[in-house]
Amino acid sequence: MMETVAECVFGIVEHLTLSQLLPGIKEPKSLALQVANLLLYGILATEGATTQEIEKE
C-alpha cells in the first residue's frame, strides 16, 4: 500500500517538474504549495470546500 502511495507522490512531482518547472511556467514555491494543497487538503476537503477557503481559515 505505501509503495503505491510513494509511486503516486513521485509521479506527481515528476510530472509537475517536467511540465511546469523546467519550462519556466511556475516557480518551485508555487508548485510546492500546489502539491501540498492537493495532498493535504484535497484528501480532507469537505463538500464544497476549496483550497482558497481553507487557506483563509
C-alpha atoms as a PDB file:
ATOM      1  CA  MET A   1       0.000   0.000   0.000  1.00  0.00           C
ATOM      2  CA  MET A   2       2.655   2.559   0.999  1.00  0.00           C
ATOM      3  CA  GLU A   3       4.690   1.678  -2.085  1.00  0.00           C
ATOM      4  CA  THR A   4       1.725   2.683  -4.250  1.00  0.00           C
ATOM      5  CA  VAL A   5       1.338   5.972  -2.378  1.00  0.00           C
ATOM      6  CA  ALA A   6       5.064   6.683  -2.774  1.00  0.00           C
ATOM      7  CA  GLU A   7       4.882   5.972  -6.512  1.00  0.00           C
ATOM      8  CA  CYS A   8       1.913   8.336  -6.845  1.00  0.00           C
ATOM      9  CA  VAL A   9       3.684  11.157  -4.996  1.00  0.00           C
ATOM     10  CA  PHE A  10       6.810  10.615  -7.093  1.00  0.00           C
ATOM     11  CA  GLY A  11       4.695  10.688 -10.263  1.00  0.00           C
ATOM     12  CA  ILE A  12       3.062  13.967  -9.234  1.00  0.00           C
ATOM     13  CA  VAL A  13       6.419  15.607  -8.549  1.00  0.00           C
ATOM     14  CA  GLU A  14       7.962  14.246 -11.750  1.00  0.00           C
ATOM     15  CA  HIS A  15       5.029  15.369 -13.901  1.00  0.00           C
ATOM     16  CA  LEU A  16       4.938  18.869 -12.440  1.00  0.00           C
ATOM     17  CA  THR A  17       8.707  19.208 -12.751  1.00  0.00           C
ATOM     18  CA  LEU A  18       8.692  18.278 -16.423  1.00  0.00           C
ATOM     19  CA  SER A  19       5.549  20.169 -17.410  1.00  0.00           C
ATOM     20  CA  GLN A  20       5.696  23.281 -15.200  1.00  0.00           C
ATOM     21  CA  LEU A  21       9.091  23.834 -13.565  1.00  0.00           C
ATOM     22  CA  LEU A  22      11.598  23.093 -16.335  1.00  0.00           C
ATOM     23  CA  PRO A  23       9.783  25.153 -18.992  1.00  0.00           C
ATOM     24  CA  GLY A  24       9.691  28.051 -16.509  1.00  0.00           C
ATOM     25  CA  ILE A  25       5.908  28.231 -16.306  1.00  0.00           C
ATOM     26  CA  LYS A  26       5.817  28.125 -12.490  1.00  0.00           C
ATOM     27  CA  GLU A  27       8.269  28.710  -9.657  1.00  0.00           C
ATOM     28  CA  PRO A  28       9.294  25.929  -7.231  1.00  0.00           C
ATOM     29  CA  LYS A  29       7.478  27.550  -4.304  1.00  0.00           C
ATOM     30  CA  SER A  30       4.234  27.709  -6.265  1.00  0.00           C
ATOM     31  CA  LEU A  31       4.489  24.055  -7.255  1.00  0.00           C
ATOM     32  CA  ALA A  32       5.292  23.011  -3.692  1.00  0.00           C
ATOM     33  CA  LEU A  33       2.170  24.813  -2.467  1.00  0.00           C
ATOM     34  CA  GLN A  34       0.093  23.188  -5.202  1.00  0.00           C
ATOM     35  CA  VAL A  35       1.304  19.681  -4.259  1.00  0.00           C
ATOM     36  CA  ALA A  36       0.833  20.340  -0.543  1.00  0.00           C
ATOM     37  CA  ASN A  37      -2.711  21.602  -1.126  1.00  0.00           C
ATOM     38  CA  LEU A  38      -3.522  18.586  -3.270  1.00  0.00           C
ATOM     39  CA  LEU A  39      -2.152  16.031  -0.832  1.00  0.00           C
ATOM     40  CA  LEU A  40      -3.156  17.649   2.450  1.00  0.00           C
ATOM     41  CA  TYR A  41      -6.383  19.464   1.687  1.00  0.00           C
ATOM     42  CA  GLY A  42      -7.580  17.520  -1.353  1.00  0.00           C
ATOM     43  CA  ILE A  43      -7.874  14.361   0.673  1.00  0.00           C
ATOM     44  CA  LEU A  44      -9.553  16.076   3.626  1.00  0.00           C
ATOM     45  CA  ALA A  45     -11.728  18.555   1.722  1.00  0.00           C
ATOM     46  CA  THR A  46     -15.337  18.586   2.781  1.00  0.00           C
ATOM     47  CA  GLU A  47     -18.267  19.056   0.484  1.00  0.00           C
ATOM     48  CA  GLY A  48     -17.925  22.362  -1.345  1.00  0.00           C
ATOM     49  CA  ALA A  49     -14.613  23.331   0.287  1.00  0.00           C
ATOM     50  CA  THR A  50     -11.920  24.758  -1.951  1.00  0.00           C
ATOM     51  CA  THR A  51      -8.253  25.408  -1.377  1.00  0.00           C
ATOM     52  CA  GLN A  52      -8.891  29.143  -1.229  1.00  0.00           C
ATOM     53  CA  GLU A  53     -11.498  28.685   1.505  1.00  0.00           C
ATOM     54  CA  ILE A  54      -9.128  26.504   3.515  1.00  0.00           C
ATOM     55  CA  GLU A  55      -6.246  28.997   3.129  1.00  0.00           C
ATOM     56  CA  LYS A  56      -8.442  31.827   4.515  1.00  0.00           C
ATOM     57  CA  GLU A  57      -9.074  29.949   7.769  1.00  0.00           C
END
